């Protein structure tokens, strides 16, 4: 189940990033001061990841999601504990899981 959750989250992360990256690039172009450090786009990315985790039954908390822009790349890091042994609804053995992805934020060249 832990490996299944990891693969589910990898798919969720790719889907959310492919939907949000064009919006992040567009917002950066409108500001003309580079990519925003924080703001609405990161909230949308985090919300999309959290919704996907809930649908995949992965015990991911909002604190376990880190979204930033580093070197013109959207950097997303996830960390959670996957329960392996559960008795009476209480986990007794958990495996730490993590996932990190970086997506290029390329701005189109200006038109001449």
N, C-alpha and C. Protein backbone atom coordinates (compact mmCIF):
# COMPACT_ATOMS: atom_id res chain seq x y z
N UNK A 1 0.82 -1.19 0.00
CA UNK A 1 0.00 0.00 0.00
C UNK A 1 0.86 1.26 0.00
N UNK A 2 2.00 1.20 0.68
CA UNK A 2 2.87 2.38 0.73
C UNK A 2 3.38 2.74 -0.66
N UNK A 3 3.80 1.74 -1.42
CA UNK A 3 4.29 1.99 -2.77
C UNK A 3 3.16 2.48 -3.67
N UNK A 4 1.99 1.93 -3.50
CA UNK A 4 0.82 2.36 -4.26
C UNK A 4 0.55 3.85 -3.99
N UNK A 5 0.61 4.25 -2.74
CA UNK A 5 0.40 5.65 -2.37
C UNK A 5 1.46 6.56 -2.99
N UNK A 6 2.70 6.10 -3.03
CA UNK A 6 3.77 6.90 -3.63
C UNK A 6 3.49 7.12 -5.11
N UNK A 7 3.13 6.04 -5.83
CA UNK A 7 2.85 6.18 -7.25
C UNK A 7 1.61 7.03 -7.50
N UNK A 8 0.61 6.91 -6.65
CA UNK A 8 -0.58 7.75 -6.77
C UNK A 8 -0.20 9.22 -6.62
N UNK A 9 0.62 9.54 -5.63
CA UNK A 9 1.01 10.93 -5.39
C UNK A 9 1.90 11.46 -6.51
N UNK A 10 2.73 10.61 -7.11
CA UNK A 10 3.55 11.04 -8.24
C UNK A 10 2.64 11.46 -9.40
N UNK A 11 1.58 10.70 -9.65
CA UNK A 11 0.63 11.05 -10.70
C UNK A 11 -0.13 12.32 -10.38
N UNK A 12 -0.56 12.45 -9.14
CA UNK A 12 -1.28 13.66 -8.70
C UNK A 12 -0.38 14.88 -8.88
N UNK A 13 0.85 14.77 -8.46
CA UNK A 13 1.79 15.89 -8.54
C UNK A 13 2.02 16.31 -9.99
N UNK A 14 2.20 15.36 -10.88
CA UNK A 14 2.39 15.67 -12.30
C UNK A 14 1.15 16.34 -12.89
N UNK A 15 -0.03 15.85 -12.53
CA UNK A 15 -1.28 16.44 -13.04
C UNK A 15 -1.46 17.87 -12.56
N UNK A 16 -1.25 18.09 -11.27
CA UNK A 16 -1.42 19.43 -10.70
C UNK A 16 -0.41 20.39 -11.32
N UNK A 17 0.83 19.95 -11.44
CA UNK A 17 1.87 20.82 -12.01
C UNK A 17 1.55 21.18 -13.46
N UNK A 18 1.11 20.21 -14.24
CA UNK A 18 0.82 20.51 -15.65
C UNK A 18 -0.34 21.48 -15.78
N UNK A 19 -1.27 21.47 -14.84
CA UNK A 19 -2.39 22.42 -14.87
C UNK A 19 -1.99 23.80 -14.38
N UNK A 20 -1.12 23.88 -13.40
CA UNK A 20 -0.82 25.16 -12.75
C UNK A 20 0.38 25.90 -13.34
N UNK A 21 1.31 25.22 -13.96
CA UNK A 21 2.51 25.89 -14.48
C UNK A 21 2.17 26.98 -15.49
N UNK A 22 1.27 26.74 -16.45
CA UNK A 22 0.95 27.85 -17.36
C UNK A 22 0.39 29.08 -16.64
N UNK A 23 -0.37 28.87 -15.60
CA UNK A 23 -0.93 29.99 -14.84
C UNK A 23 0.16 30.73 -14.06
N UNK A 24 1.12 29.99 -13.55
CA UNK A 24 2.22 30.62 -12.82
C UNK A 24 3.06 31.47 -13.78
N UNK A 25 3.35 30.92 -14.96
CA UNK A 25 4.13 31.66 -15.96
C UNK A 25 3.37 32.90 -16.40
N UNK A 26 2.08 32.77 -16.63
CA UNK A 26 1.27 33.91 -17.05
C UNK A 26 1.26 35.00 -15.97
N UNK A 27 1.12 34.61 -14.71
CA UNK A 27 1.14 35.59 -13.62
C UNK A 27 2.49 36.29 -13.55
N UNK A 28 3.57 35.57 -13.79
CA UNK A 28 4.91 36.17 -13.76
C UNK A 28 5.07 37.16 -14.90
N UNK A 29 4.52 36.84 -16.06
CA UNK A 29 4.61 37.76 -17.20
C UNK A 29 3.83 39.04 -16.95
N UNK A 30 2.70 38.92 -16.29
CA UNK A 30 1.89 40.10 -16.00
C UNK A 30 2.58 41.01 -14.99
N UNK A 31 3.31 40.40 -14.04
CA UNK A 31 4.02 41.19 -13.03
C UNK A 31 5.31 41.78 -13.59
N UNK A 32 5.90 41.12 -14.55
CA UNK A 32 7.16 41.51 -15.18
C UNK A 32 8.29 41.69 -14.17
N UNK A 33 8.16 41.11 -13.02
CA UNK A 33 9.23 41.18 -12.03
C UNK A 33 9.71 39.78 -11.67
N UNK A 34 9.43 38.84 -12.54
CA UNK A 34 9.84 37.47 -12.26
C UNK A 34 8.72 36.69 -11.63
N UNK A 35 9.03 35.48 -11.24
CA UNK A 35 8.03 34.60 -10.66
C UNK A 35 7.71 35.04 -9.23
N UNK A 36 6.46 34.93 -8.83
CA UNK A 36 6.10 35.31 -7.46
C UNK A 36 6.69 34.32 -6.46
N UNK A 37 7.09 34.84 -5.32
CA UNK A 37 7.62 33.96 -4.28
C UNK A 37 6.51 33.19 -3.58
N UNK A 38 5.37 33.83 -3.46
CA UNK A 38 4.23 33.23 -2.79
C UNK A 38 2.98 33.67 -3.51
N UNK A 39 1.85 33.27 -2.98
CA UNK A 39 0.62 33.80 -3.52
C UNK A 39 -0.36 32.74 -3.96
N UNK A 40 -1.29 33.19 -4.75
CA UNK A 40 -2.42 32.39 -5.17
C UNK A 40 -1.99 31.11 -5.88
N UNK A 41 -0.98 31.16 -6.71
CA UNK A 41 -0.57 29.97 -7.47
C UNK A 41 -0.11 28.85 -6.56
N UNK A 42 0.65 29.18 -5.54
CA UNK A 42 1.12 28.13 -4.64
C UNK A 42 -0.03 27.55 -3.85
N UNK A 43 -1.00 28.38 -3.51
CA UNK A 43 -2.18 27.89 -2.80
C UNK A 43 -2.92 26.89 -3.68
N UNK A 44 -3.07 27.21 -4.96
CA UNK A 44 -3.76 26.30 -5.89
C UNK A 44 -3.00 24.99 -6.06
N UNK A 45 -1.68 25.07 -6.11
CA UNK A 45 -0.86 23.86 -6.22
C UNK A 45 -1.05 23.00 -4.98
N UNK A 46 -0.94 23.61 -3.81
CA UNK A 46 -1.09 22.86 -2.56
C UNK A 46 -2.49 22.26 -2.44
N UNK A 47 -3.52 23.04 -2.78
CA UNK A 47 -4.89 22.52 -2.70
C UNK A 47 -5.10 21.35 -3.65
N UNK A 48 -4.56 21.43 -4.85
CA UNK A 48 -4.68 20.33 -5.80
C UNK A 48 -4.01 19.07 -5.30
N UNK A 49 -2.85 19.23 -4.69
CA UNK A 49 -2.12 18.08 -4.15
C UNK A 49 -2.90 17.47 -2.98
N UNK A 50 -3.42 18.32 -2.12
CA UNK A 50 -4.17 17.81 -0.96
C UNK A 50 -5.44 17.09 -1.39
N UNK A 51 -6.13 17.61 -2.39
CA UNK A 51 -7.34 16.96 -2.91
C UNK A 51 -6.98 15.60 -3.49
N UNK A 52 -5.90 15.53 -4.27
CA UNK A 52 -5.47 14.26 -4.85
C UNK A 52 -5.06 13.25 -3.79
N UNK A 53 -4.41 13.72 -2.73
CA UNK A 53 -4.00 12.83 -1.64
C UNK A 53 -5.23 12.25 -0.94
N UNK A 54 -6.22 13.09 -0.73
CA UNK A 54 -7.44 12.63 -0.07
C UNK A 54 -8.14 11.58 -0.94
N UNK A 55 -8.22 11.82 -2.25
CA UNK A 55 -8.85 10.86 -3.15
C UNK A 55 -8.09 9.56 -3.22
N UNK A 56 -6.76 9.60 -3.06
CA UNK A 56 -5.92 8.39 -3.11
C UNK A 56 -5.75 7.75 -1.73
N UNK A 57 -6.39 8.32 -0.71
CA UNK A 57 -6.27 7.82 0.67
C UNK A 57 -4.84 7.82 1.18
N UNK A 58 -4.10 8.86 0.83
CA UNK A 58 -2.73 9.03 1.32
C UNK A 58 -2.79 10.04 2.48
N UNK A 59 -2.23 9.68 3.63
CA UNK A 59 -2.33 10.55 4.82
C UNK A 59 -1.37 11.74 4.76
N UNK A 60 -1.62 12.66 3.83
CA UNK A 60 -0.77 13.82 3.63
C UNK A 60 -1.42 15.02 4.30
N UNK A 61 -0.63 15.76 5.09
CA UNK A 61 -1.12 16.99 5.73
C UNK A 61 -0.58 18.18 4.95
N UNK A 62 -1.25 19.31 5.10
CA UNK A 62 -0.81 20.53 4.40
C UNK A 62 0.62 20.90 4.79
N UNK A 63 1.02 20.62 6.02
CA UNK A 63 2.38 20.91 6.47
C UNK A 63 3.42 20.04 5.78
N UNK A 64 2.97 18.93 5.17
CA UNK A 64 3.87 18.00 4.51
C UNK A 64 4.16 18.38 3.06
N UNK A 65 3.59 19.50 2.61
CA UNK A 65 3.74 19.94 1.22
C UNK A 65 4.53 21.24 1.19
N UNK A 66 5.66 21.24 0.48
CA UNK A 66 6.47 22.45 0.33
C UNK A 66 6.55 22.79 -1.16
N UNK A 67 6.14 24.01 -1.48
CA UNK A 67 6.14 24.47 -2.87
C UNK A 67 6.96 25.75 -2.94
N UNK A 68 7.91 25.80 -3.88
CA UNK A 68 8.72 27.00 -4.04
C UNK A 68 9.21 27.08 -5.48
N UNK A 69 9.80 28.22 -5.81
CA UNK A 69 10.42 28.40 -7.11
C UNK A 69 11.91 28.59 -6.87
N UNK A 70 12.70 27.72 -7.48
CA UNK A 70 14.15 27.75 -7.33
C UNK A 70 14.77 27.62 -8.71
N UNK A 71 15.62 28.58 -9.07
CA UNK A 71 16.33 28.55 -10.35
C UNK A 71 15.39 28.33 -11.53
N UNK A 72 14.31 29.11 -11.58
CA UNK A 72 13.35 29.06 -12.68
C UNK A 72 12.65 27.69 -12.78
N UNK A 73 12.52 27.02 -11.64
CA UNK A 73 11.85 25.73 -11.60
C UNK A 73 10.88 25.70 -10.44
N UNK A 74 9.71 25.10 -10.67
CA UNK A 74 8.74 24.88 -9.61
C UNK A 74 9.20 23.65 -8.86
N UNK A 75 9.57 23.81 -7.60
CA UNK A 75 10.07 22.73 -6.77
C UNK A 75 8.98 22.33 -5.79
N UNK A 76 8.57 21.07 -5.84
CA UNK A 76 7.53 20.57 -4.95
C UNK A 76 8.08 19.38 -4.19
N UNK A 77 7.92 19.43 -2.86
CA UNK A 77 8.40 18.35 -2.01
C UNK A 77 7.26 17.88 -1.11
N UNK A 78 7.08 16.57 -1.06
CA UNK A 78 6.06 15.96 -0.22
C UNK A 78 6.73 14.99 0.74
N UNK A 79 6.23 14.90 1.94
CA UNK A 79 6.72 13.93 2.92
C UNK A 79 5.55 13.48 3.78
N UNK A 80 5.40 12.18 3.96
CA UNK A 80 4.32 11.65 4.79
C UNK A 80 4.73 10.29 5.33
N UNK A 81 3.98 9.81 6.28
CA UNK A 81 4.21 8.49 6.86
C UNK A 81 3.09 7.57 6.40
N UNK A 82 3.44 6.49 5.73
CA UNK A 82 2.46 5.53 5.24
C UNK A 82 2.29 4.42 6.27
N UNK A 83 1.08 4.27 6.82
CA UNK A 83 0.86 3.21 7.81
C UNK A 83 0.95 1.84 7.16
N UNK A 84 1.69 0.93 7.80
CA UNK A 84 1.86 -0.42 7.29
C UNK A 84 1.14 -1.42 8.18
N UNK A 85 1.28 -1.26 9.48
CA UNK A 85 0.61 -2.13 10.44
C UNK A 85 -0.39 -1.28 11.22
N UNK A 86 -1.67 -1.61 11.06
CA UNK A 86 -2.75 -0.88 11.74
C UNK A 86 -3.58 -1.89 12.52
N UNK A 87 -3.81 -1.59 13.80
CA UNK A 87 -4.63 -2.46 14.64
C UNK A 87 -5.65 -1.60 15.36
N UNK A 88 -6.92 -1.94 15.24
CA UNK A 88 -8.01 -1.18 15.83
C UNK A 88 -7.98 0.29 15.41
N UNK A 89 -7.62 0.51 14.17
CA UNK A 89 -7.61 1.87 13.64
C UNK A 89 -6.41 2.71 14.05
N UNK A 90 -5.48 2.13 14.79
CA UNK A 90 -4.29 2.87 15.23
C UNK A 90 -3.05 2.31 14.53
N UNK A 91 -2.27 3.18 13.86
CA UNK A 91 -1.07 2.69 13.18
C UNK A 91 0.04 2.37 14.19
N UNK A 92 0.67 1.20 14.01
CA UNK A 92 1.77 0.80 14.88
C UNK A 92 3.11 0.78 14.15
N UNK A 93 3.07 0.72 12.85
CA UNK A 93 4.29 0.76 12.05
C UNK A 93 4.02 1.62 10.82
N UNK A 94 4.84 2.64 10.63
CA UNK A 94 4.69 3.54 9.50
C UNK A 94 6.01 3.66 8.77
N UNK A 95 5.93 3.78 7.47
CA UNK A 95 7.12 3.95 6.64
C UNK A 95 7.16 5.40 6.17
N UNK A 96 8.27 6.10 6.41
CA UNK A 96 8.37 7.47 5.91
C UNK A 96 8.51 7.46 4.39
N UNK A 97 7.70 8.28 3.75
CA UNK A 97 7.70 8.38 2.29
C UNK A 97 7.99 9.83 1.92
N UNK A 98 8.63 10.03 0.79
CA UNK A 98 8.86 11.38 0.31
C UNK A 98 8.88 11.37 -1.21
N UNK A 99 8.61 12.54 -1.76
CA UNK A 99 8.58 12.70 -3.21
C UNK A 99 8.98 14.13 -3.51
N UNK A 100 9.90 14.29 -4.44
CA UNK A 100 10.33 15.62 -4.85
C UNK A 100 10.34 15.68 -6.36
N UNK A 101 9.77 16.76 -6.88
CA UNK A 101 9.77 16.98 -8.32
C UNK A 101 10.10 18.44 -8.59
N UNK A 102 10.78 18.68 -9.69
CA UNK A 102 11.06 20.04 -10.14
C UNK A 102 10.60 20.16 -11.58
N UNK A 103 9.83 21.21 -11.85
CA UNK A 103 9.27 21.43 -13.18
C UNK A 103 9.79 22.76 -13.71
N UNK A 104 10.23 22.77 -14.97
CA UNK A 104 10.76 23.98 -15.58
C UNK A 104 9.65 25.00 -15.80
N UNK A 105 9.94 26.22 -15.44
CA UNK A 105 9.02 27.34 -15.67
C UNK A 105 9.62 28.19 -16.78
N UNK A 106 9.32 27.83 -17.99
CA UNK A 106 9.92 28.57 -19.10
C UNK A 106 8.96 29.65 -19.57
N UNK A 107 9.48 30.84 -19.67
CA UNK A 107 8.72 31.96 -20.21
C UNK A 107 8.94 31.98 -21.71
N UNK A 108 7.88 32.20 -22.48
CA UNK A 108 8.10 32.33 -23.92
C UNK A 108 8.93 33.57 -24.24
N UNK A 109 9.69 33.50 -25.31
CA UNK A 109 10.51 34.63 -25.71
C UNK A 109 9.61 35.79 -26.13
N UNK A 110 10.02 37.02 -25.82
CA UNK A 110 9.21 38.18 -26.22
C UNK A 110 9.10 38.28 -27.73
N UNK A 111 7.97 38.76 -28.21
CA UNK A 111 7.75 38.91 -29.65
C UNK A 111 8.44 40.18 -30.14
N UNK A 112 9.00 40.13 -31.30
CA UNK A 112 9.72 41.27 -31.86
C UNK A 112 8.93 41.89 -32.96
